[in-house]
C-alpha atoms as a PDB file:
ATOM      1  CA  MET A   1     -14.031 -42.236 -88.941  1.00  0.00           C
ATOM      2  CA  ALA A   2     -16.479 -39.445 -88.976  1.00  0.00           C
ATOM      3  CA  LEU A   3     -15.901 -37.053 -92.189  1.00  0.00           C
ATOM      4  CA  PRO A   4     -14.760 -33.539 -92.094  1.00  0.00           C
ATOM      5  CA  ARG A   5     -17.430 -31.087 -91.398  1.00  0.00           C
ATOM      6  CA  ALA A   6     -16.814 -29.326 -94.972  1.00  0.00           C
ATOM      7  CA  LEU A   7     -17.231 -32.869 -96.721  1.00  0.00           C
ATOM      8  CA  ARG A   8     -20.701 -33.647 -94.699  1.00  0.00           C
ATOM      9  CA  GLU A   9     -21.829 -30.245 -96.072  1.00  0.00           C
ATOM     10  CA  ARG A  10     -21.086 -31.554 -99.614  1.00  0.00           C
ATOM     11  CA  LEU A  11     -22.758 -34.735 -99.369  1.00  0.00           C
ATOM     12  CA  ARG A  12     -26.261 -33.644 -97.700  1.00  0.00           C
ATOM     13  CA  PRO A  13     -29.069 -35.643 -99.457  1.00  0.00           C
ATOM     14  CA  LYS A  14     -30.481 -32.512-101.075  1.00  0.00           C
ATOM     15  CA  ARG A  15     -27.207 -31.365-102.200  1.00  0.00           C
ATOM     16  CA  VAL A  16     -26.726 -35.144-103.954  1.00  0.00           C
ATOM     17  CA  VAL A  17     -30.010 -35.269-105.647  1.00  0.00           C
ATOM     18  CA  HIS A  18     -29.748 -31.816-107.194  1.00  0.00           C
ATOM     19  CA  LEU A  19     -26.326 -32.185-108.364  1.00  0.00           C
ATOM     20  CA  ALA A  20     -27.972 -35.724-109.824  1.00  0.00           C
ATOM     21  CA  VAL A  21     -30.731 -34.283-111.696  1.00  0.00           C
ATOM     22  CA  SER A  22     -28.280 -31.304-113.198  1.00  0.00           C
ATOM     23  CA  LEU A  23     -25.966 -34.098-114.501  1.00  0.00           C
ATOM     24  CA  GLY A  24     -28.986 -36.201-115.820  1.00  0.00           C
ATOM     25  CA  LEU A  25     -30.324 -33.316-117.846  1.00  0.00           C
ATOM     26  CA  ILE A  26     -26.598 -32.505-119.135  1.00  0.00           C
ATOM     27  CA  TRP A  27     -26.606 -36.026-120.149  1.00  0.00           C
ATOM     28  CA  TRP A  28     -30.022 -35.671-121.932  1.00  0.00           C
ATOM     29  CA  ILE A  29     -28.801 -32.357-123.386  1.00  0.00           C
ATOM     30  CA  ALA A  30     -25.886 -33.744-125.136  1.00  0.00           C
ATOM     31  CA  GLY A  31     -27.766 -36.524-126.691  1.00  0.00           C
ATOM     32  CA  LYS A  32     -30.250 -34.058-127.987  1.00  0.00           C
ATOM     33  CA  VAL A  33     -28.297 -31.192-129.589  1.00  0.00           C
ATOM     34  CA  ASP A  34     -26.274 -31.457-132.910  1.00  0.00           C
ATOM     35  CA  TRP A  35     -23.079 -30.267-132.029  1.00  0.00           C
ATOM     36  CA  ALA A  36     -22.021 -29.306-135.533  1.00  0.00           C
ATOM     37  CA  ASP A  37     -25.316 -26.978-135.877  1.00  0.00           C
ATOM     38  CA  PHE A  38     -24.367 -25.439-132.342  1.00  0.00           C
ATOM     39  CA  GLY A  39     -21.030 -24.595-133.368  1.00  0.00           C
ATOM     40  CA  THR A  40     -22.652 -23.187-136.456  1.00  0.00           C
ATOM     41  CA  THR A  41     -25.011 -21.426-134.504  1.00  0.00           C
ATOM     42  CA  LEU A  42     -22.499 -19.449-132.738  1.00  0.00           C
ATOM     43  CA  ARG A  43     -20.306 -18.835-135.423  1.00  0.00           C
ATOM     44  CA  ARG A  44     -23.221 -16.994-136.958  1.00  0.00           C
ATOM     45  CA  THR A  45     -23.965 -14.703-134.094  1.00  0.00           C
ATOM     46  CA  ASP A  46     -25.677 -11.509-134.847  1.00  0.00           C
ATOM     47  CA  PRO A  47     -24.154  -8.697-133.150  1.00  0.00           C
ATOM     48  CA  GLY A  48     -26.932  -6.202-132.940  1.00  0.00           C
ATOM     49  CA  TYR A  49     -29.148  -8.606-131.241  1.00  0.00           C
ATOM     50  CA  LEU A  50     -26.580  -9.749-129.036  1.00  0.00           C
ATOM     51  CA  ALA A  51     -26.107  -5.787-128.217  1.00  0.00           C
ATOM     52  CA  LEU A  52     -29.649  -5.652-127.797  1.00  0.00           C
ATOM     53  CA  SER A  53     -29.696  -8.958-125.332  1.00  0.00           C
ATOM     54  CA  LEU A  54     -26.772  -7.730-123.004  1.00  0.00           C
ATOM     55  CA  ALA A  55     -28.873  -3.798-123.006  1.00  0.00           C
ATOM     56  CA  MET A  56     -31.646  -5.878-121.467  1.00  0.00           C
ATOM     57  CA  SER A  57     -29.548  -6.837-118.174  1.00  0.00           C
ATOM     58  CA  PRO A  58     -29.458  -3.556-116.936  1.00  0.00           C
ATOM     59  CA  VAL A  59     -32.858  -2.543-117.641  1.00  0.00           C
ATOM     60  CA  LEU A  60     -34.271  -5.573-115.761  1.00  0.00           C
ATOM     61  CA  ILE A  61     -31.988  -4.873-112.675  1.00  0.00           C
ATOM     62  CA  VAL A  62     -33.330  -1.314-112.493  1.00  0.00           C
ATOM     63  CA  ILE A  63     -36.859  -2.456-112.577  1.00  0.00           C
ATOM     64  CA  SER A  64     -36.334  -4.856-109.756  1.00  0.00           C
ATOM     65  CA  ALA A  65     -34.157  -2.613-108.005  1.00  0.00           C
ATOM     66  CA  ARG A  66     -36.961   0.136-108.139  1.00  0.00           C
ATOM     67  CA  LYS A  67     -39.603  -2.405-106.713  1.00  0.00           C
ATOM     68  CA  TRP A  68     -37.358  -3.037-104.038  1.00  0.00           C
ATOM     69  CA  GLN A  69     -36.543   0.256-103.379  1.00  0.00           C
ATOM     70  CA  LEU A  70     -40.510   1.247-103.067  1.00  0.00           C
ATOM     71  CA  LEU A  71     -40.927  -1.550-100.602  1.00  0.00           C
ATOM     72  CA  LEU A  72     -38.125  -0.418 -98.468  1.00  0.00           C
ATOM     73  CA  ASN A  73     -39.170   3.199 -98.167  1.00  0.00           C
ATOM     74  CA  ALA A  74     -42.554   2.903 -97.796  1.00  0.00           C
ATOM     75  CA  ARG A  75     -41.373   1.595 -94.126  1.00  0.00           C
ATOM     76  CA  SER A  76     -38.882   4.819 -93.927  1.00  0.00           C
ATOM     77  CA  ALA A  77     -35.827   2.430 -94.662  1.00  0.00           C
ATOM     78  CA  GLY A  78     -34.281   5.512 -96.729  1.00  0.00           C
ATOM     79  CA  ALA A  79     -32.816   3.435 -99.501  1.00  0.00           C
ATOM     80  CA  GLY A  80     -31.640   5.063-102.536  1.00  0.00           C
ATOM     81  CA  LEU A  81     -31.983   3.610-106.213  1.00  0.00           C
ATOM     82  CA  GLY A  82     -27.903   3.629-106.954  1.00  0.00           C
ATOM     83  CA  ALA A  83     -27.704   1.253-103.782  1.00  0.00           C
ATOM     84  CA  CYS A  84     -30.443  -0.697-104.263  1.00  0.00           C
ATOM     85  CA  VAL A  85     -28.930  -1.319-107.498  1.00  0.00           C
ATOM     86  CA  ASN A  86     -25.810  -2.177-106.356  1.00  0.00           C
ATOM     87  CA  LEU A  87     -26.850  -4.612-103.914  1.00  0.00           C
ATOM     88  CA  TYR A  88     -28.979  -6.238-106.614  1.00  0.00           C
ATOM     89  CA  VAL A  89     -25.688  -6.658-108.487  1.00  0.00           C
ATOM     90  CA  ILE A  90     -23.948  -7.831-105.770  1.00  0.00           C
ATOM     91  CA  GLY A  91     -26.426 -10.542-105.497  1.00  0.00           C
ATOM     92  CA  TYR A  92     -25.591 -11.957-108.606  1.00  0.00           C
ATOM     93  CA  LEU A  93     -22.270 -12.479-107.804  1.00  0.00           C
ATOM     94  CA  PHE A  94     -23.561 -14.881-104.511  1.00  0.00           C
ATOM     95  CA  ASN A  95     -25.978 -16.424-107.042  1.00  0.00           C
ATOM     96  CA  ASN A  96     -22.687 -17.606-108.921  1.00  0.00           C
ATOM     97  CA  VAL A  97     -20.906 -18.912-106.067  1.00  0.00           C
ATOM     98  CA  LEU A  98     -23.653 -20.277-103.431  1.00  0.00           C
ATOM     99  CA  PRO A  99     -25.491 -23.754-104.837  1.00  0.00           C
ATOM    100  CA  THR A 100     -29.358 -21.996-104.676  1.00  0.00           C
ATOM    101  CA  ASN A 101     -30.933 -19.287-106.791  1.00  0.00           C
ATOM    102  CA  VAL A 102     -31.891 -17.483-103.546  1.00  0.00           C
ATOM    103  CA  GLY A 103     -28.453 -16.911-101.973  1.00  0.00           C
ATOM    104  CA  GLY A 104     -28.355 -13.702-103.739  1.00  0.00           C
ATOM    105  CA  ASP A 105     -31.554 -12.183-102.184  1.00  0.00           C
ATOM    106  CA  LEU A 106     -30.390 -13.115 -99.011  1.00  0.00           C
ATOM    107  CA  VAL A 107     -27.041 -11.601 -99.220  1.00  0.00           C
ATOM    108  CA  ARG A 108     -28.795  -8.544-100.643  1.00  0.00           C
ATOM    109  CA  GLY A 109     -31.245  -8.424 -97.898  1.00  0.00           C
ATOM    110  CA  TYR A 110     -28.389  -8.638 -95.236  1.00  0.00           C
ATOM    111  CA  LEU A 111     -26.265  -6.224 -96.557  1.00  0.00           C
ATOM    112  CA  MET A 112     -29.051  -3.729 -97.106  1.00  0.00           C
ATOM    113  CA  GLY A 113     -30.059  -4.409 -93.478  1.00  0.00           C
ATOM    114  CA  ARG A 114     -26.709  -3.402 -92.217  1.00  0.00           C
ATOM    115  CA  ARG A 115     -26.858  -0.225 -94.457  1.00  0.00           C
ATOM    116  CA  THR A 116     -30.290   0.945 -93.069  1.00  0.00           C
ATOM    117  CA  GLY A 117     -29.801  -0.529 -89.314  1.00  0.00           C
ATOM    118  CA  ASP A 118     -33.326  -2.048 -90.061  1.00  0.00           C
ATOM    119  CA  ALA A 119     -32.946  -5.657 -91.065  1.00  0.00           C
ATOM    120  CA  SER A 120     -36.476  -6.821 -90.741  1.00  0.00           C
ATOM    121  CA  THR A 121     -37.477  -4.330 -93.184  1.00  0.00           C
ATOM    122  CA  ALA A 122     -34.798  -5.370 -95.569  1.00  0.00           C
ATOM    123  CA  PHE A 123     -35.619  -8.863 -95.592  1.00  0.00           C
ATOM    124  CA  ALA A 124     -39.418  -7.993 -95.525  1.00  0.00           C
ATOM    125  CA  ALA A 125     -38.901  -6.004 -98.763  1.00  0.00           C
ATOM    126  CA  VAL A 126     -36.840  -8.871-100.404  1.00  0.00           C
ATOM    127  CA  VAL A 127     -39.543 -11.404 -99.831  1.00  0.00           C
ATOM    128  CA  LEU A 128     -42.301  -8.801-100.715  1.00  0.00           C
ATOM    129  CA  GLU A 129     -40.299  -7.980-103.909  1.00  0.00           C
ATOM    130  CA  ARG A 130     -40.054 -11.740-104.902  1.00  0.00           C
ATOM    131  CA  LEU A 131     -43.496 -12.590-104.034  1.00  0.00           C
ATOM    132  CA  THR A 132     -45.081  -9.778-106.046  1.00  0.00           C
ATOM    133  CA  GLY A 133     -42.904 -10.702-109.129  1.00  0.00           C
ATOM    134  CA  PHE A 134     -44.318 -14.230-108.561  1.00  0.00           C
ATOM    135  CA  ALA A 135     -47.843 -13.278-108.535  1.00  0.00           C
ATOM    136  CA  ALA A 136     -47.400 -11.476-111.859  1.00  0.00           C
ATOM    137  CA  LEU A 137     -45.657 -14.228-113.316  1.00  0.00           C
ATOM    138  CA  VAL A 138     -48.347 -16.578-112.307  1.00  0.00           C
ATOM    139  CA  VAL A 139     -50.831 -14.434-113.666  1.00  0.00           C
ATOM    140  CA  ILE A 140     -49.390 -13.928-117.330  1.00  0.00           C
ATOM    141  CA  ALA A 141     -48.680 -17.862-117.436  1.00  0.00           C
ATOM    142  CA  VAL A 142     -52.345 -18.721-116.716  1.00  0.00           C
ATOM    143  CA  ALA A 143     -53.452 -15.951-119.204  1.00  0.00           C
ATOM    144  CA  ALA A 144     -50.674 -16.836-121.780  1.00  0.00           C
ATOM    145  CA  LEU A 145     -51.496 -20.692-122.068  1.00  0.00           C
ATOM    146  CA  PRO A 146     -54.731 -20.232-123.875  1.00  0.00           C
ATOM    147  CA  PHE A 147     -53.285 -18.354-126.580  1.00  0.00           C
ATOM    148  CA  ALA A 148     -50.967 -20.799-127.601  1.00  0.00           C
ATOM    149  CA  PRO A 149     -51.855 -23.232-130.400  1.00  0.00           C
ATOM    150  CA  ALA A 150     -53.389 -26.597-129.063  1.00  0.00           C
ATOM    151  CA  GLU A 151     -50.397 -28.672-130.376  1.00  0.00           C
ATOM    152  CA  THR A 152     -47.923 -26.700-129.070  1.00  0.00           C
ATOM    153  CA  TRP A 153     -47.828 -27.230-125.411  1.00  0.00           C
ATOM    154  CA  ARG A 154     -48.451 -30.895-124.143  1.00  0.00           C
ATOM    155  CA  LEU A 155     -50.797 -31.899-121.149  1.00  0.00           C
ATOM    156  CA  TRP A 156     -47.938 -31.846-118.474  1.00  0.00           C
ATOM    157  CA  VAL A 157     -47.419 -28.060-119.137  1.00  0.00           C
ATOM    158  CA  TYR A 158     -51.027 -27.210-118.516  1.00  0.00           C
ATOM    159  CA  GLY A 159     -51.000 -29.402-115.438  1.00  0.00           C
ATOM    160  CA  PHE A 160     -47.871 -27.778-114.144  1.00  0.00           C
ATOM    161  CA  VAL A 161     -49.181 -24.236-114.721  1.00  0.00           C
ATOM    162  CA  ALA A 162     -52.228 -25.436-113.047  1.00  0.00           C
ATOM    163  CA  GLY A 163     -50.583 -26.802-109.911  1.00  0.00           C
ATOM    164  CA  VAL A 164     -48.074 -24.019-109.713  1.00  0.00           C
ATOM    165  CA  SER A 165     -51.261 -21.513-109.714  1.00  0.00           C
ATOM    166  CA  ALA A 166     -53.117 -23.206-107.181  1.00  0.00           C
ATOM    167  CA  ALA A 167     -50.337 -23.943-104.661  1.00  0.00           C
ATOM    168  CA  PHE A 168     -49.476 -20.258-104.766  1.00  0.00           C
ATOM    169  CA  CYS A 169     -53.141 -19.571-104.287  1.00  0.00           C
ATOM    170  CA  VAL A 170     -53.325 -21.719-101.410  1.00  0.00           C
ATOM    171  CA  GLY A 171     -49.859 -20.343 -99.922  1.00  0.00           C
ATOM    172  CA  VAL A 172     -51.171 -16.448-100.251  1.00  0.00           C
ATOM    173  CA  TRP A 173     -54.224 -17.481 -98.666  1.00  0.00           C
ATOM    174  CA  ALA A 174     -52.363 -19.263 -95.520  1.00  0.00           C
ATOM    175  CA  LEU A 175     -50.139 -16.182 -95.018  1.00  0.00           C
ATOM    176  CA  LEU A 176     -52.748 -13.454 -95.637  1.00  0.00           C
ATOM    177  CA  ASP A 177     -55.546 -15.555 -93.445  1.00  0.00           C
ATOM    178  CA  GLY A 178     -55.075 -15.032 -89.325  1.00  0.00           C
ATOM    179  CA  ARG A 179     -56.856 -18.246 -88.512  1.00  0.00           C
ATOM    180  CA  ALA A 180     -54.350 -20.151 -91.020  1.00  0.00           C
ATOM    181  CA  ALA A 181     -51.402 -18.584 -89.622  1.00  0.00           C
ATOM    182  CA  ARG A 182     -52.330 -19.068 -85.941  1.00  0.00           C
ATOM    183  CA  TRP A 183     -52.953 -22.637 -86.916  1.00  0.00           C
ATOM    184  CA  LEU A 184     -49.631 -22.909 -88.601  1.00  0.00           C
ATOM    185  CA  ARG A 185     -47.662 -21.428 -85.506  1.00  0.00           C
ATOM    186  CA  ARG A 186     -48.413 -24.628 -83.598  1.00  0.00           C
ATOM    187  CA  PHE A 187     -46.075 -26.203 -85.533  1.00  0.00           C
ATOM    188  CA  ASP A 188     -42.920 -23.714 -85.701  1.00  0.00           C
ATOM    189  CA  ARG A 189     -40.573 -26.428 -84.501  1.00  0.00           C
ATOM    190  CA  HIS A 190     -40.250 -26.892 -88.218  1.00  0.00           C
ATOM    191  CA  ALA A 191     -38.081 -24.903 -90.486  1.00  0.00           C
ATOM    192  CA  ALA A 192     -40.597 -24.719 -93.306  1.00  0.00           C
ATOM    193  CA  ILE A 193     -43.135 -23.391 -91.044  1.00  0.00           C
ATOM    194  CA  ARG A 194     -40.816 -20.833 -89.526  1.00  0.00           C
ATOM    195  CA  LYS A 195     -40.082 -19.735 -93.166  1.00  0.00           C
ATOM    196  CA  ALA A 196     -44.008 -19.539 -93.920  1.00  0.00           C
ATOM    197  CA  MET A 197     -44.630 -17.493 -90.582  1.00  0.00           C
ATOM    198  CA  ARG A 198     -41.516 -14.944 -92.057  1.00  0.00           C
ATOM    199  CA  LEU A 199     -43.557 -14.504 -94.802  1.00  0.00           C
ATOM    200  CA  HIS A 200     -46.900 -13.997 -93.155  1.00  0.00           C
ATOM    201  CA  ASP A 201     -45.138 -11.334 -90.668  1.00  0.00           C
ATOM    202  CA  ALA A 202     -43.603  -9.699 -94.010  1.00  0.00           C
ATOM    203  CA  ILE A 203     -46.763  -9.528 -95.871  1.00  0.00           C
ATOM    204  CA  GLU A 204     -48.650  -7.818 -92.357  1.00  0.00           C
ATOM    205  CA  ALA A 205     -46.193  -5.260 -92.162  1.00  0.00           C
ATOM    206  CA  TYR A 206     -47.397  -3.750 -95.687  1.00  0.00           C
ATOM    207  CA  ARG A 207     -50.730  -4.279 -95.350  1.00  0.00           C
ATOM    208  CA  GLY A 208     -51.553  -0.370 -94.749  1.00  0.00           C
ATOM    209  CA  HIS A 209     -49.532   0.070 -97.993  1.00  0.00           C
ATOM    210  CA  PRO A 210     -51.816  -0.630-100.684  1.00  0.00           C
ATOM    211  CA  ARG A 211     -50.730   1.460-103.208  1.00  0.00           C
ATOM    212  CA  VAL A 212     -46.761   0.761-102.974  1.00  0.00           C
ATOM    213  CA  LEU A 213     -48.142  -2.991-103.259  1.00  0.00           C
ATOM    214  CA  ALA A 214     -49.887  -2.402-106.725  1.00  0.00           C
ATOM    215  CA  ARG A 215     -47.237  -0.140-108.080  1.00  0.00           C
ATOM    216  CA  CYS A 216     -44.672  -3.408-107.275  1.00  0.00           C
ATOM    217  CA  ILE A 217     -47.197  -5.445-109.108  1.00  0.00           C
ATOM    218  CA  ALA A 218     -47.481  -3.172-111.736  1.00  0.00           C
ATOM    219  CA  LEU A 219     -43.409  -3.087-112.411  1.00  0.00           C
ATOM    220  CA  SER A 220     -43.657  -6.983-112.226  1.00  0.00           C
ATOM    221  CA  PHE A 221     -45.825  -7.207-115.173  1.00  0.00           C
ATOM    222  CA  LEU A 222     -43.613  -4.645-117.078  1.00  0.00           C
ATOM    223  CA  PHE A 223     -40.399  -6.860-115.683  1.00  0.00           C
ATOM    224  CA  TYR A 224     -41.747  -9.875-117.470  1.00  0.00           C
ATOM    225  CA  VAL A 225     -42.482  -8.254-120.770  1.00  0.00           C
ATOM    226  CA  GLY A 226     -38.651  -7.287-120.358  1.00  0.00           C
ATOM    227  CA  ALA A 227     -37.843 -10.715-119.423  1.00  0.00           C
ATOM    228  CA  ALA A 228     -39.701 -12.009-122.941  1.00  0.00           C
ATOM    229  CA  LEU A 229     -37.590  -9.326-124.585  1.00  0.00           C
ATOM    230  CA  ASN A 230     -34.242 -10.479-123.173  1.00  0.00           C
ATOM    231  CA  ILE A 231     -35.242 -14.112-123.999  1.00  0.00           C
ATOM    232  CA  HIS A 232     -36.438 -13.085-127.513  1.00  0.00           C
ATOM    233  CA  PHE A 233     -33.288 -11.228-128.476  1.00  0.00           C
ATOM    234  CA  SER A 234     -30.794 -13.529-126.853  1.00  0.00           C
ATOM    235  CA  ALA A 235     -32.517 -16.358-129.116  1.00  0.00           C
ATOM    236  CA  ARG A 236     -32.780 -13.899-132.041  1.00  0.00           C
ATOM    237  CA  ALA A 237     -28.829 -13.331-131.815  1.00  0.00           C
ATOM    238  CA  PHE A 238     -28.455 -17.010-132.906  1.00  0.00           C
ATOM    239  CA  GLY A 239     -31.018 -17.171-135.657  1.00  0.00           C
ATOM    240  CA  SER A 240     -34.129 -17.803-134.367  1.00  0.00           C
ATOM    241  CA  ASP A 241     -37.044 -16.963-136.152  1.00  0.00           C
ATOM    242  CA  VAL A 242     -39.682 -17.573-133.358  1.00  0.00           C
ATOM    243  CA  ALA A 243     -41.949 -14.534-133.212  1.00  0.00           C
ATOM    244  CA  PHE A 244     -41.740 -11.972-129.894  1.00  0.00           C
ATOM    245  CA  ALA A 245     -45.575 -13.187-129.680  1.00  0.00           C
ATOM    246  CA  GLU A 246     -44.428 -16.555-129.474  1.00  0.00           C
ATOM    247  CA  THR A 247     -41.438 -16.021-127.297  1.00  0.00           C
ATOM    248  CA  PHE A 248     -44.067 -13.987-124.861  1.00  0.00           C
ATOM    249  CA  LEU A 249     -45.974 -17.185-124.537  1.00  0.00           C
ATOM    250  CA  ALA A 250     -42.885 -19.513-123.942  1.00  0.00           C
ATOM    251  CA  THR A 251     -41.171 -17.117-121.508  1.00  0.00           C
ATOM    252  CA  PRO A 252     -43.803 -17.889-118.280  1.00  0.00           C
ATOM    253  CA  VAL A 253     -42.815 -21.702-119.050  1.00  0.00           C
ATOM    254  CA  ILE A 254     -39.378 -21.179-119.354  1.00  0.00           C
ATOM    255  CA  LEU A 255     -39.331 -18.999-115.802  1.00  0.00           C
ATOM    256  CA  LEU A 256     -41.346 -21.033-113.845  1.00  0.00           C
ATOM    257  CA  VAL A 257     -39.929 -24.227-114.663  1.00  0.00           C
ATOM    258  CA  THR A 258     -36.044 -22.443-114.045  1.00  0.00           C
ATOM    259  CA  MET A 259     -37.379 -21.245-110.639  1.00  0.00           C
ATOM    260  CA  LEU A 260     -37.748 -25.161-109.296  1.00  0.00           C
ATOM    261  CA  PRO A 261     -35.465 -26.056-106.710  1.00  0.00           C
ATOM    262  CA  ILE A 262     -34.546 -29.403-108.184  1.00  0.00           C
ATOM    263  CA  SER A 263     -30.813 -28.998-109.576  1.00  0.00           C
ATOM    264  CA  PHE A 264     -27.513 -27.565-108.737  1.00  0.00           C
ATOM    265  CA  GLY A 265     -27.459 -23.787-109.146  1.00  0.00           C
ATOM    266  CA  GLY A 266     -30.185 -24.134-112.115  1.00  0.00           C
ATOM    267  CA  ILE A 267     -27.616 -26.159-114.297  1.00  0.00           C
ATOM    268  CA  GLY A 268     -29.000 -28.279-116.672  1.00  0.00           C
ATOM    269  CA  LEU A 269     -32.843 -27.031-115.949  1.00  0.00           C
ATOM    270  CA  SER A 270     -32.520 -23.592-117.279  1.00  0.00           C
ATOM    271  CA  GLU A 271     -31.115 -24.802-120.592  1.00  0.00           C
ATOM    272  CA  TRP A 272     -33.694 -27.888-120.923  1.00  0.00           C
ATOM    273  CA  ALA A 273     -36.422 -25.075-120.096  1.00  0.00           C
ATOM    274  CA  HIS A 274     -35.346 -22.736-123.226  1.00  0.00           C
ATOM    275  CA  MET A 275     -34.343 -25.703-125.451  1.00  0.00           C
ATOM    276  CA  TYR A 276     -38.033 -27.006-124.722  1.00  0.00           C
ATOM    277  CA  ALA A 277     -40.084 -24.006-124.533  1.00  0.00           C
ATOM    278  CA  LEU A 278     -38.595 -22.373-127.602  1.00  0.00           C
ATOM    279  CA  GLY A 279     -38.195 -25.866-129.246  1.00  0.00           C
ATOM    280  CA  ARG A 280     -42.521 -25.838-129.215  1.00  0.00           C
ATOM    281  CA  PHE A 281     -42.243 -22.784-131.409  1.00  0.00           C
ATOM    282  CA  GLY A 282     -40.003 -24.396-133.991  1.00  0.00           C
ATOM    283  CA  ALA A 283     -36.132 -23.538-132.410  1.00  0.00           C
ATOM    284  CA  PRO A 284     -33.779 -26.129-133.064  1.00  0.00           C
ATOM    285  CA  ALA A 285     -32.208 -27.442-130.114  1.00  0.00           C
ATOM    286  CA  ALA A 286     -28.764 -25.884-130.983  1.00  0.00           C
ATOM    287  CA  ILE A 287     -30.538 -22.226-130.704  1.00  0.00           C
ATOM    288  CA  GLY A 288     -32.350 -23.104-127.545  1.00  0.00           C
ATOM    289  CA  LEU A 289     -29.119 -24.062-125.993  1.00  0.00           C
ATOM    290  CA  SER A 290     -27.001 -21.076-127.323  1.00  0.00           C
ATOM    291  CA  THR A 291     -30.029 -19.089-125.714  1.00  0.00           C
ATOM    292  CA  ALA A 292     -30.048 -20.250-122.444  1.00  0.00           C
ATOM    293  CA  LEU A 293     -26.175 -20.238-122.235  1.00  0.00           C
ATOM    294  CA  LEU A 294     -25.776 -16.490-123.466  1.00  0.00           C
ATOM    295  CA  LEU A 295     -28.146 -15.638-120.508  1.00  0.00           C
ATOM    296  CA  ARG A 296     -26.213 -17.746-118.064  1.00  0.00           C
ATOM    297  CA  THR A 297     -23.229 -15.998-119.306  1.00  0.00           C
ATOM    298  CA  LYS A 298     -24.910 -12.513-118.519  1.00  0.00           C
ATOM    299  CA  GLY A 299     -25.660 -13.847-114.923  1.00  0.00           C
ATOM    300  CA  VAL A 300     -22.034 -14.212-114.621  1.00  0.00           C
ATOM    301  CA  LEU A 301     -20.934 -11.517-116.222  1.00  0.00           C
ATOM    302  CA  LEU A 302     -23.137  -9.227-113.871  1.00  0.00           C
ATOM    303  CA  GLY A 303     -21.630 -11.651-111.193  1.00  0.00           C
ATOM    304  CA  LEU A 304     -17.789 -10.368-111.867  1.00  0.00           C
ATOM    305  CA  VAL A 305     -19.661  -6.797-111.915  1.00  0.00           C
ATOM    306  CA  GLY A 306     -20.674  -7.392-108.385  1.00  0.00           C
ATOM    307  CA  SER A 307     -17.102  -8.434-107.370  1.00  0.00           C
ATOM    308  CA  VAL A 308     -16.133  -5.066-108.323  1.00  0.00           C
ATOM    309  CA  ILE A 309     -18.605  -2.943-106.480  1.00  0.00           C
ATOM    310  CA  TYR A 310     -18.627  -5.285-103.370  1.00  0.00           C
ATOM    311  CA  PRO A 311     -15.283  -3.898-101.943  1.00  0.00           C
ATOM    312  CA  LEU A 312     -16.289  -0.328-103.096  1.00  0.00           C
ATOM    313  CA  MET A 313     -19.264  -0.011-100.751  1.00  0.00           C
ATOM    314  CA  GLY A 314     -17.288  -1.057 -97.745  1.00  0.00           C
ATOM    315  CA  THR A 315     -19.581  -4.366 -97.103  1.00  0.00           C
ATOM    316  CA  GLY A 316     -16.799  -6.315 -95.244  1.00  0.00           C
ATOM    317  CA  PRO A 317     -15.705  -9.886 -96.590  1.00  0.00           C
ATOM    318  CA  ILE A 318     -17.218 -11.782 -99.271  1.00  0.00           C
ATOM    319  CA  ARG A 319     -17.076 -14.904 -96.932  1.00  0.00           C
ATOM    320  CA  SER A 320     -19.067 -13.183 -94.086  1.00  0.00           C
ATOM    321  CA  ALA A 321     -21.887 -12.356 -96.518  1.00  0.00           C
ATOM    322  CA  ALA A 322     -21.960 -16.194 -97.768  1.00  0.00           C
ATOM    323  CA  GLU A 323     -21.929 -17.617 -94.304  1.00  0.00           C
ATOM    324  CA  ALA A 324     -24.651 -15.212 -93.613  1.00  0.00           C
ATOM    325  CA  ALA A 325     -26.784 -16.198 -96.363  1.00  0.00           C
ATOM    326  CA  ARG A 326     -25.937 -19.896 -95.531  1.00  0.00           C
ATOM    327  CA  GLY A 327     -27.401 -19.403 -92.297  1.00  0.00           C
ATOM    328  CA  GLY A 328     -30.514 -18.112 -93.777  1.00  0.00           C
ATOM    329  CA  LEU A 329     -31.175 -20.863 -95.844  1.00  0.00           C
ATOM    330  CA  GLU A 330     -30.786 -23.269 -93.201  1.00  0.00           C
ATOM    331  CA  ALA A 331     -32.758 -21.380 -90.745  1.00  0.00           C
END
């Protein structure tokens, strides 16, 4: 007897692997953390640093929303900063309910397209907003590694950053070079190639806006300074004595590892990344885990705010947007 469609969806091999990775990381974390120390760490939370950590969330959202607005308006989409901020927060709602970190991006692109009547520009702006951010992250990661003490990072970290950087450079070349794009279009029957061509088309649309792209990259560097402060304040809230310079060195590794699409919604992976990276600078496992859980809790709270904003914007049923996002993921 055939399995129901809903159950078949949940049992897709990729999702099963992602769930297994998350469960494996949670099992590893459970064995590494001193739970008595973890409880003490939570009880000694510093309210001042906790407030600073909470304050960083809207700052980071405004920076990202401003980047998105610049890209939208470069192609005459007429998007206001307030609408971009609201849709960005709504994106957190869908990140919490969809089994992927890009679901929120697809939803806000979909909703902005409905709002402006130009879906292609809305999605192209989402792609470029993320791509310029990733470019800045790769530059920071490569530049930061040599400044860490030789004994801090293991060889796999250097290899990982080098591999990601090389893959990014090759990918950008393939997207920008017309010859590579023409060759790749021969294989557009494959979903991955179709996605790559959509990225290429999005970048092509912005070739005539170098100043806008330069401003977006500058805002991306500002964002990652804010991301380091976000992690730093969150860790300090639980008694970390890791200096900001050290947190700044750890942040690119944390963000790059967390972006890997190998776990279910990043569960387990983000916690492991914070424990590992902050631990290399002397932070106990309990502090690394507490920091990651605080950051995850802030994402959930932003999602709850998004659930309030969503109906106020008259954007239709949540289920419709979620189905649109799933369709985009499978396209």
